[in-house]
Amino acid sequence: MQIEIEGTITQAMELRSGTSARSGNTWQRQDLLIETPGQYPRKCLFTVADGNIAMFNLQVGQRVRVTLSLDAREYQGRWYNDFRAINVINPDAVQQNTGGIPPIGAPLPPPAEPQATSDNQALPWE
């Protein structure tokens, strides 16, 4: 299952790394706290793993829209939720780079006024 959350990174926890006992591969992970805007702000702790840490390059104070993959796992008889970042975008950059195309759900601009033609001009299909 995936969800999107938009807000500001308020805390970046210490980067952790190690070697998998099962596969012998090395791993890295960093937990970050995001806070949503609004009258009743919410916080969510999520994880960025391995190569995504450098690719996303998340910083405290940065405003982002994060796509999270949700999963639960069991460890010693207890269940834990895992919110893992799979995509991060800057919502401000998305609005600037739309090339004049309104975002999904935004009202369309009014249609352009037709240009007046004189009687002696040929129409394009003639």
Protein backbone atom coordinates (compact mmCIF):
# COMPACT_ATOMS: atom_id res chain seq x y z
CA MET A 1 0.00 0.00 0.00
CA GLN A 2 1.21 3.53 -0.76
CA ILE A 3 0.28 6.95 0.60
CA GLU A 4 1.50 10.50 -0.05
CA ILE A 5 2.20 13.02 2.67
CA GLU A 6 3.22 16.64 2.21
CA GLY A 7 4.94 18.72 4.83
CA THR A 8 8.22 19.97 6.26
CA ILE A 9 11.10 17.80 7.45
CA THR A 10 11.49 18.74 11.14
CA GLN A 11 14.07 16.19 12.29
CA ALA A 12 16.67 13.90 10.74
CA MET A 13 17.81 11.05 12.96
CA GLU A 14 21.30 9.61 12.92
CA LEU A 15 22.30 7.58 9.86
CA ARG A 16 22.57 3.88 10.73
CA SER A 17 24.39 1.19 8.77
CA GLY A 18 25.39 -2.42 9.09
CA THR A 19 25.71 -5.77 7.37
CA SER A 20 22.81 -8.16 6.86
CA ALA A 21 23.23 -11.42 8.79
CA ARG A 22 21.20 -13.27 6.12
CA SER A 23 22.74 -12.00 2.88
CA GLY A 24 25.99 -10.38 3.97
CA ASN A 25 25.08 -7.18 2.08
CA THR A 26 25.68 -3.79 3.66
CA TRP A 27 22.72 -1.50 4.37
CA GLN A 28 22.05 2.10 5.42
CA ARG A 29 18.91 3.77 6.74
CA GLN A 30 17.90 7.11 8.13
CA ASP A 31 14.67 8.00 9.89
CA LEU A 32 13.13 11.43 9.28
CA LEU A 33 10.20 13.24 10.87
CA ILE A 34 7.78 15.16 8.64
CA GLU A 35 5.11 17.57 9.91
CA THR A 36 2.01 18.46 7.90
CA PRO A 37 0.78 22.06 7.71
CA GLY A 38 -2.60 23.27 8.93
CA GLN A 39 -4.53 24.05 12.07
CA TYR A 40 -3.91 20.53 13.45
CA PRO A 41 -0.46 19.50 12.19
CA ARG A 42 0.40 15.81 12.22
CA LYS A 43 3.81 14.17 12.39
CA CYS A 44 5.00 10.99 10.71
CA LEU A 45 8.30 9.16 11.12
CA PHE A 46 9.51 7.50 7.92
CA THR A 47 12.62 5.73 6.69
CA VAL A 48 14.89 6.37 3.73
CA ALA A 49 17.12 3.42 2.88
CA ASP A 50 20.35 2.70 1.02
CA GLY A 51 20.87 4.62 -2.28
CA ASN A 52 17.75 6.73 -1.75
CA ILE A 53 19.49 8.58 1.11
CA ALA A 54 21.91 10.30 -1.30
CA MET A 55 19.38 10.53 -4.14
CA PHE A 56 16.65 12.27 -2.08
CA ASN A 57 19.15 14.35 -0.03
CA LEU A 58 16.51 15.40 2.52
CA GLN A 59 17.35 18.30 4.85
CA VAL A 60 15.69 19.67 7.98
CA GLY A 61 13.41 22.59 7.04
CA GLN A 62 12.82 21.31 3.50
CA ARG A 63 9.20 21.17 2.25
CA VAL A 64 8.51 17.93 0.37
CA ARG A 65 5.83 15.54 -0.85
CA VAL A 66 6.83 11.98 0.07
CA THR A 67 5.34 8.78 -1.34
CA LEU A 68 5.51 6.11 1.35
CA SER A 69 5.27 2.36 1.08
CA LEU A 70 3.48 0.96 4.13
CA ASP A 71 4.17 -2.46 5.58
CA ALA A 72 4.05 -4.20 8.95
CA ARG A 73 6.48 -6.79 10.30
CA GLU A 74 6.60 -9.04 13.33
CA TYR A 75 9.59 -9.26 15.65
CA GLN A 76 9.59 -11.42 18.77
CA GLY A 77 5.80 -11.53 18.99
CA ARG A 78 5.27 -7.78 18.46
CA TRP A 79 4.20 -5.97 15.29
CA TYR A 80 5.84 -2.83 13.93
CA ASN A 81 4.76 -0.49 11.11
CA ASP A 82 7.31 0.42 8.48
CA PHE A 83 6.87 3.64 6.45
CA ARG A 84 9.54 3.64 3.73
CA ALA A 85 10.08 6.55 1.32
CA ILE A 86 9.97 5.41 -2.31
CA ASN A 87 9.69 8.83 -3.97
CA VAL A 88 10.25 12.43 -2.89
CA ILE A 89 9.39 15.58 -4.84
CA ASN A 90 9.55 19.28 -4.12
CA PRO A 91 5.93 20.49 -4.42
CA ASP A 92 7.07 24.07 -5.12
CA ALA A 93 9.18 22.95 -8.10
CA VAL A 94 6.29 20.93 -9.52
CA GLN A 95 4.03 24.00 -9.57
CA GLN A 96 6.73 26.10 -11.25
CA ASN A 97 7.55 23.51 -13.95
CA THR A 98 4.07 22.70 -15.21
CA GLY A 99 4.61 24.74 -18.38
CA GLY A 100 1.26 26.50 -18.09
CA ILE A 101 -0.68 23.28 -17.54
CA PRO A 102 -2.93 23.60 -14.48
CA PRO A 103 -2.54 20.92 -11.80
CA ILE A 104 -5.07 18.09 -11.64
CA GLY A 105 -8.31 19.32 -10.11
CA ALA A 106 -7.62 23.00 -10.77
CA PRO A 107 -10.24 24.94 -12.73
CA LEU A 108 -9.47 25.40 -16.40
CA PRO A 109 -8.72 28.91 -17.65
CA PRO A 110 -11.46 30.63 -19.68
CA PRO A 111 -11.36 29.91 -23.43
CA ALA A 112 -9.57 32.42 -25.63
CA GLU A 113 -11.71 34.97 -27.46
CA PRO A 114 -12.08 34.18 -31.18
CA GLN A 115 -10.31 36.64 -33.42
CA ALA A 116 -12.46 38.74 -35.75
CA THR A 117 -11.96 38.06 -39.44
CA SER A 118 -12.69 40.47 -42.23
CA ASP A 119 -14.94 39.41 -45.10
CA ASN A 120 -12.14 39.48 -47.63
CA GLN A 121 -9.81 37.10 -45.73
CA ALA A 122 -9.79 33.46 -46.75
CA LEU A 123 -10.59 30.98 -44.03
CA PRO A 124 -7.89 28.37 -43.29
CA TRP A 125 -9.91 25.48 -44.76
CA GLU A 126 -10.74 27.27 -48.03
